[in-house]
Amino acid sequence: MTKLRIGVIGLSGKWSTELLADAVYARTGQRDIIDLTQVVADLARGSLHYQQRNLADYDALIIKKVSEQYQPLMLDRLALLRLISPAKTRIFSTPDAIMRLVDRLACTLTLKQAGIPMPPTLITENHQAAFEAVIDYGQAILKPLYSTKAKGMEYLDARQPSKKLRHQLDQFHRQYGFYYVQKKLDLPGQDLGVMFLGGEYQGSYARLSPQNGWNTSTANGGKYAPGDPDDATLAIAQQAQALFQLDYTTVDMAQTEDGPVCFEVSAFGGFKGAYEGLNINMAQRYVDYVIQQLGTN
């Protein structure tokens, strides 16, 4: 057991946070969960505290969750961690790296500019342009810029009456602002979560869509299973994750008749797909990696 002090930035009671905290406890004998919504930043003193704990006193902090819901406030909470000197306290993954992924738009543009294959996508605040994109795509998925696990996503079908389609677009715009319209692809009943730790491939799990379902999210009835990506899919996932320099992440991929496509790179990386689909505890591997990076066996 190491004497290192490692804190978990997350939310008590959340499965992934608790799993990671358990893994830290097994290696250090300490179990500290830090809720970023309750930290106090004192700029005059240059300090960041949570319940009388100075976060600069930790050897490392592992970021798992910073909010109950994906929202712009997450960026501000992550920014507070800049008060901590990386020379004294290492943060996994770094706040700057995660902030590039919290906003779906920023992630998408980085992937596109790097030549990563993605589904046809149109992003705009213009109602008519969004409407015409749905007509052009035939079937499309509307995605909020801040969301995870398919929350807030909507299926659009160009065959429905124009009035109904426009109403659906209007309602989405009122709630989320930007239209992020992505062509719905014909997938083989599943997509893949491709996992990387320190840039090294760890394995892949599949998310199997429910019967007649348009997405594979487990929140909507999808199930985890072992994944079997081909070499081309792995190569693209490797290239995609390398753009963001995260310590741990999963890359959402799909294998289509036209070749592999990437949907997104996860800001935080999930544990449940590996746990339920592959019987792998990635939280334990992550903690071992952090300790190794800190130079302690």
Protein backbone atom coordinates (compact mmCIF):
# COMPACT_ATOMS: atom_id res chain seq x y z
CA MET A 1 0.00 0.00 0.00
CA THR A 2 1.36 3.40 -1.01
CA LYS A 3 1.45 6.48 1.23
CA LEU A 4 0.42 8.73 -1.64
CA ARG A 5 -2.63 10.92 -1.06
CA ILE A 6 -4.94 10.69 -4.06
CA GLY A 7 -8.33 12.39 -4.24
CA VAL A 8 -11.23 11.62 -6.56
CA ILE A 9 -13.11 14.54 -8.05
CA GLY A 10 -16.64 13.24 -8.44
CA LEU A 11 -20.09 12.92 -6.92
CA SER A 12 -20.75 10.71 -3.90
CA GLY A 13 -23.26 7.97 -4.64
CA LYS A 14 -22.52 7.86 -8.35
CA TRP A 15 -21.43 4.41 -9.46
CA SER A 16 -18.31 5.42 -11.38
CA THR A 17 -17.14 7.81 -8.65
CA GLU A 18 -17.60 5.17 -5.96
CA LEU A 19 -15.82 2.52 -8.02
CA LEU A 20 -12.84 4.82 -8.51
CA ALA A 21 -12.80 5.84 -4.84
CA ASP A 22 -12.82 2.16 -3.85
CA ALA A 23 -9.85 1.54 -6.15
CA VAL A 24 -7.95 4.44 -4.58
CA TYR A 25 -8.73 3.14 -1.09
CA ALA A 26 -7.43 -0.31 -1.98
CA ARG A 27 -4.06 1.18 -2.94
CA THR A 28 -3.73 4.05 -0.42
CA GLY A 29 -6.02 3.34 2.55
CA GLN A 30 -7.69 6.73 2.01
CA ARG A 31 -10.99 7.47 0.30
CA ASP A 32 -11.57 11.17 -0.45
CA ILE A 33 -14.32 12.24 -2.85
CA ILE A 34 -14.23 15.93 -3.78
CA ASP A 35 -17.35 17.66 -5.12
CA LEU A 36 -16.27 20.55 -7.33
CA THR A 37 -19.61 22.29 -6.82
CA GLN A 38 -18.56 22.90 -3.21
CA VAL A 39 -14.93 24.00 -3.59
CA VAL A 40 -13.85 27.46 -2.48
CA ALA A 41 -11.27 29.34 -4.52
CA ASP A 42 -9.48 32.07 -2.56
CA LEU A 43 -7.59 34.08 -5.14
CA ALA A 44 -5.92 36.33 -2.55
CA ARG A 45 -4.31 33.26 -0.99
CA GLY A 46 -4.09 31.30 -4.23
CA SER A 47 -5.80 28.36 -2.54
CA LEU A 48 -8.53 25.88 -3.39
CA HIS A 49 -10.33 24.13 -0.54
CA TYR A 50 -13.05 21.52 -0.12
CA GLN A 51 -14.45 20.97 3.39
CA GLN A 52 -11.29 22.21 5.11
CA ARG A 53 -9.09 20.17 2.76
CA ASN A 54 -6.50 22.08 0.75
CA LEU A 55 -6.52 20.41 -2.65
CA ALA A 56 -2.89 21.36 -3.11
CA ASP A 57 -2.01 18.92 -0.33
CA TYR A 58 -2.87 15.94 -2.52
CA ASP A 59 -0.22 14.17 -4.56
CA ALA A 60 -2.80 13.61 -7.29
CA LEU A 61 -6.41 14.28 -8.15
CA ILE A 62 -8.36 12.08 -10.55
CA ILE A 63 -11.28 13.78 -12.29
CA LYS A 64 -14.33 11.55 -12.76
CA LYS A 65 -17.37 13.81 -12.54
CA VAL A 66 -17.77 17.57 -12.20
CA SER A 67 -21.53 17.90 -12.59
CA GLU A 68 -24.77 15.97 -12.35
CA GLN A 69 -25.67 17.23 -15.82
CA TYR A 70 -23.53 18.22 -18.80
CA GLN A 71 -23.65 22.02 -18.92
CA PRO A 72 -21.40 25.06 -19.56
CA LEU A 73 -20.88 25.43 -15.78
CA MET A 74 -18.60 22.41 -16.02
CA LEU A 75 -16.02 24.56 -17.80
CA ASP A 76 -15.95 27.07 -14.94
CA ARG A 77 -15.57 24.33 -12.31
CA LEU A 78 -12.70 22.78 -14.21
CA ALA A 79 -11.06 26.18 -14.63
CA LEU A 80 -10.82 26.54 -10.84
CA LEU A 81 -8.38 23.63 -10.79
CA ARG A 82 -5.85 25.83 -12.56
CA LEU A 83 -5.10 27.29 -9.13
CA ILE A 84 -3.34 24.06 -8.26
CA SER A 85 0.29 23.84 -9.28
CA PRO A 86 0.91 20.77 -11.49
CA ALA A 87 4.46 20.67 -10.13
CA LYS A 88 3.04 19.77 -6.71
CA THR A 89 -0.29 18.07 -7.44
CA ARG A 90 -0.83 16.08 -10.64
CA ILE A 91 -4.34 16.07 -12.10
CA PHE A 92 -5.56 13.17 -14.26
CA SER A 93 -6.70 14.10 -16.90
CA THR A 94 -5.65 17.74 -16.93
CA PRO A 95 -8.47 20.30 -16.75
CA ASP A 96 -7.33 21.89 -20.01
CA ALA A 97 -7.52 18.57 -21.84
CA ILE A 98 -11.00 17.81 -20.51
CA MET A 99 -12.31 21.30 -21.28
CA ARG A 100 -11.64 20.71 -24.98
CA LEU A 101 -14.16 17.85 -24.91
CA VAL A 102 -16.99 18.98 -22.65
CA ASP A 103 -18.50 20.99 -25.50
CA ARG A 104 -19.51 18.66 -28.35
CA LEU A 105 -18.83 21.41 -30.89
CA ALA A 106 -15.21 21.85 -29.80
CA CYS A 107 -14.65 18.09 -29.91
CA THR A 108 -16.27 17.74 -33.33
CA LEU A 109 -14.25 20.55 -34.90
CA THR A 110 -10.98 19.13 -33.56
CA LEU A 111 -11.80 15.69 -34.97
CA LYS A 112 -12.89 17.08 -38.32
CA GLN A 113 -9.82 19.28 -38.73
CA ALA A 114 -7.63 16.24 -38.04
CA GLY A 115 -9.34 14.27 -40.81
CA ILE A 116 -11.09 11.79 -38.50
CA PRO A 117 -14.05 10.24 -40.40
CA MET A 118 -17.38 11.29 -38.89
CA PRO A 119 -21.03 11.15 -39.98
CA PRO A 120 -22.18 14.11 -42.13
CA THR A 121 -22.96 16.90 -39.67
CA LEU A 122 -24.38 20.43 -39.89
CA ILE A 123 -24.07 22.90 -37.01
CA THR A 124 -25.98 26.17 -37.10
CA GLU A 125 -28.41 28.49 -35.34
CA ASN A 126 -30.32 28.97 -38.61
CA HIS A 127 -33.66 27.16 -38.61
CA GLN A 128 -33.99 26.88 -42.40
CA ALA A 129 -30.48 25.48 -42.79
CA ALA A 130 -31.18 22.86 -40.11
CA PHE A 131 -34.49 21.96 -41.76
CA GLU A 132 -32.84 21.54 -45.17
CA ALA A 133 -30.11 19.37 -43.63
CA VAL A 134 -32.71 16.95 -42.26
CA ILE A 135 -34.39 16.79 -45.69
CA ASP A 136 -30.99 16.14 -47.29
CA TYR A 137 -30.00 13.45 -44.77
CA GLY A 138 -33.38 11.72 -44.80
CA GLN A 139 -32.95 10.66 -41.19
CA ALA A 140 -30.97 12.65 -38.64
CA ILE A 141 -30.14 12.95 -34.97
CA LEU A 142 -30.31 16.29 -33.16
CA LYS A 143 -27.69 16.52 -30.43
CA PRO A 144 -27.26 19.14 -27.68
CA LEU A 145 -23.77 20.60 -27.48
CA TYR A 146 -23.62 19.63 -23.81
CA SER A 147 -24.88 16.10 -23.18
CA THR A 148 -23.84 12.54 -22.47
CA LYS A 149 -25.43 9.09 -22.83
CA ALA A 150 -27.79 10.38 -25.55
CA LYS A 151 -29.56 12.75 -23.13
CA GLY A 152 -31.52 15.38 -25.04
CA MET A 153 -30.89 13.76 -28.41
CA GLU A 154 -33.81 13.52 -30.82
CA TYR A 155 -34.51 11.44 -33.91
CA LEU A 156 -35.72 13.34 -36.99
CA ASP A 157 -37.33 11.79 -40.06
CA ALA A 158 -37.66 13.81 -43.27
CA ARG A 159 -40.73 11.77 -44.21
CA GLN A 160 -42.84 13.30 -41.44
CA PRO A 161 -44.99 16.37 -42.26
CA SER A 162 -42.90 19.54 -42.67
CA LYS A 163 -44.95 21.36 -40.04
CA LYS A 164 -44.20 18.69 -37.43
CA LEU A 165 -40.51 18.64 -38.33
CA ARG A 166 -40.22 22.42 -38.08
CA HIS A 167 -41.99 22.36 -34.71
CA GLN A 168 -39.53 19.75 -33.44
CA LEU A 169 -36.62 21.90 -34.57
CA ASP A 170 -38.15 25.01 -32.97
CA GLN A 171 -38.60 23.26 -29.63
CA PHE A 172 -35.03 21.98 -29.68
CA HIS A 173 -33.67 25.45 -30.52
CA ARG A 174 -35.55 27.05 -27.65
CA GLN A 175 -34.02 24.61 -25.21
CA TYR A 176 -30.49 24.22 -26.54
CA GLY A 177 -29.72 27.08 -28.92
CA PHE A 178 -27.47 25.57 -31.56
CA TYR A 179 -28.71 22.94 -33.98
CA TYR A 180 -26.24 20.06 -34.17
CA VAL A 181 -27.74 17.92 -36.93
CA GLN A 182 -26.02 14.64 -37.71
CA LYS A 183 -27.01 12.15 -40.38
CA LYS A 184 -28.33 8.91 -38.95
CA LEU A 185 -26.16 6.08 -40.23
CA ASP A 186 -27.14 2.47 -40.84
CA LEU A 187 -25.27 0.76 -38.01
CA PRO A 188 -24.96 -2.99 -37.46
CA GLY A 189 -27.09 -2.85 -34.30
CA GLN A 190 -24.23 -1.60 -32.17
CA ASP A 191 -21.47 0.90 -31.69
CA LEU A 192 -18.18 0.56 -29.84
CA GLY A 193 -16.47 2.12 -26.85
CA VAL A 194 -12.73 1.88 -27.49
CA MET A 195 -10.73 2.45 -24.28
CA PHE A 196 -7.31 4.05 -23.87
CA LEU A 197 -5.20 4.54 -20.74
CA GLY A 198 -2.12 6.72 -21.10
CA GLY A 199 -2.62 6.48 -24.86
CA GLU A 200 -2.44 2.67 -24.76
CA TYR A 201 -5.32 0.54 -26.03
CA GLN A 202 -7.12 -1.34 -23.23
CA GLY A 203 -9.99 -3.10 -24.98
CA SER A 204 -13.37 -2.44 -26.57
CA TYR A 205 -16.94 -3.00 -25.49
CA ALA A 206 -20.04 -2.92 -27.66
CA ARG A 207 -23.31 -1.15 -26.92
CA LEU A 208 -26.12 -3.17 -28.45
CA SER A 209 -29.20 -1.21 -29.45
CA PRO A 210 -32.64 -2.37 -28.26
CA GLN A 211 -35.05 -3.70 -30.88
CA ASN A 212 -36.18 -0.87 -33.16
CA GLY A 213 -34.06 1.58 -31.18
CA TRP A 214 -32.24 4.44 -32.91
CA ASN A 215 -29.49 4.75 -30.30
CA THR A 216 -27.44 2.32 -28.24
CA SER A 217 -27.42 4.21 -24.93
CA THR A 218 -27.94 1.92 -21.95
CA ALA A 219 -30.24 4.60 -20.53
CA ASN A 220 -32.55 3.78 -23.45
CA GLY A 221 -32.35 0.01 -23.20
CA GLY A 222 -28.97 -0.69 -24.81
CA LYS A 223 -26.81 -3.52 -23.45
CA TYR A 224 -23.06 -3.93 -23.04
CA ALA A 225 -21.18 -6.81 -24.67
CA PRO A 226 -17.59 -7.54 -25.75
CA GLY A 227 -16.52 -5.50 -28.77
CA ASP A 228 -14.45 -6.64 -31.72
CA PRO A 229 -13.15 -3.65 -33.70
CA ASP A 230 -11.19 -4.24 -36.89
CA ASP A 231 -7.71 -2.81 -37.44
CA ALA A 232 -8.99 0.25 -39.32
CA THR A 233 -11.40 1.12 -36.49
CA LEU A 234 -8.66 0.78 -33.87
CA ALA A 235 -6.29 2.95 -35.90
CA ILE A 236 -8.84 5.76 -36.20
CA ALA A 237 -9.75 5.55 -32.52
CA GLN A 238 -6.07 5.72 -31.61
CA GLN A 239 -5.59 8.79 -33.78
CA ALA A 240 -8.72 10.45 -32.38
CA GLN A 241 -7.80 10.03 -28.70
CA ALA A 242 -4.25 11.22 -29.30
CA LEU A 243 -5.59 14.64 -30.33
CA PHE A 244 -6.70 15.38 -26.77
CA GLN A 245 -3.92 13.90 -24.58
CA LEU A 246 -6.25 12.48 -21.95
CA ASP A 247 -4.99 10.03 -19.35
CA TYR A 248 -8.09 7.87 -19.70
CA THR A 249 -10.82 8.04 -22.31
CA THR A 250 -13.18 6.05 -24.46
CA VAL A 251 -13.70 6.75 -28.15
CA ASP A 252 -17.18 6.16 -29.55
CA MET A 253 -16.79 4.37 -32.87
CA ALA A 254 -18.99 2.50 -35.35
CA GLN A 255 -18.16 0.12 -38.17
CA THR A 256 -20.33 0.84 -41.22
CA GLU A 257 -20.46 -0.49 -44.78
CA ASP A 258 -18.49 2.60 -45.83
CA GLY A 259 -15.82 2.11 -43.19
CA PRO A 260 -15.28 3.18 -39.58
CA VAL A 261 -16.65 6.46 -38.24
CA CYS A 262 -15.99 8.30 -34.99
CA PHE A 263 -18.80 9.95 -33.06
CA GLU A 264 -16.83 11.50 -30.22
CA VAL A 265 -14.05 11.20 -27.68
CA SER A 266 -15.23 11.08 -24.07
CA ALA A 267 -14.12 13.85 -21.73
CA PHE A 268 -14.08 11.52 -18.73
CA GLY A 269 -14.16 7.95 -20.01
CA GLY A 270 -16.72 5.46 -18.78
CA PHE A 271 -16.10 2.42 -16.57
CA LYS A 272 -19.40 0.54 -16.84
CA GLY A 273 -18.96 -0.74 -20.40
CA ALA A 274 -15.68 -2.41 -19.46
CA TYR A 275 -17.10 -3.67 -16.16
CA GLU A 276 -20.29 -5.20 -17.55
CA GLY A 277 -19.21 -6.00 -21.10
CA LEU A 278 -15.65 -7.24 -20.52
CA ASN A 279 -15.46 -7.94 -16.76
CA ILE A 280 -12.59 -5.43 -16.53
CA ASN A 281 -12.31 -2.95 -13.65
CA MET A 282 -10.83 0.06 -15.44
CA ALA A 283 -10.95 2.08 -12.23
CA GLN A 284 -8.32 -0.23 -10.73
CA ARG A 285 -6.17 0.03 -13.84
CA TYR A 286 -6.52 3.80 -13.78
CA VAL A 287 -5.36 4.09 -10.18
CA ASP A 288 -2.39 1.80 -10.88
CA TYR A 289 -1.52 4.01 -13.84
CA VAL A 290 -1.72 7.18 -11.70
CA ILE A 291 0.57 5.70 -9.05
CA GLN A 292 3.00 4.60 -11.74
CA GLN A 293 3.01 8.11 -13.22
CA LEU A 294 3.77 9.54 -9.80
CA GLY A 295 6.84 7.34 -9.67
CA THR A 296 5.78 5.10 -6.80
CA ASN A 297 5.30 1.34 -6.91
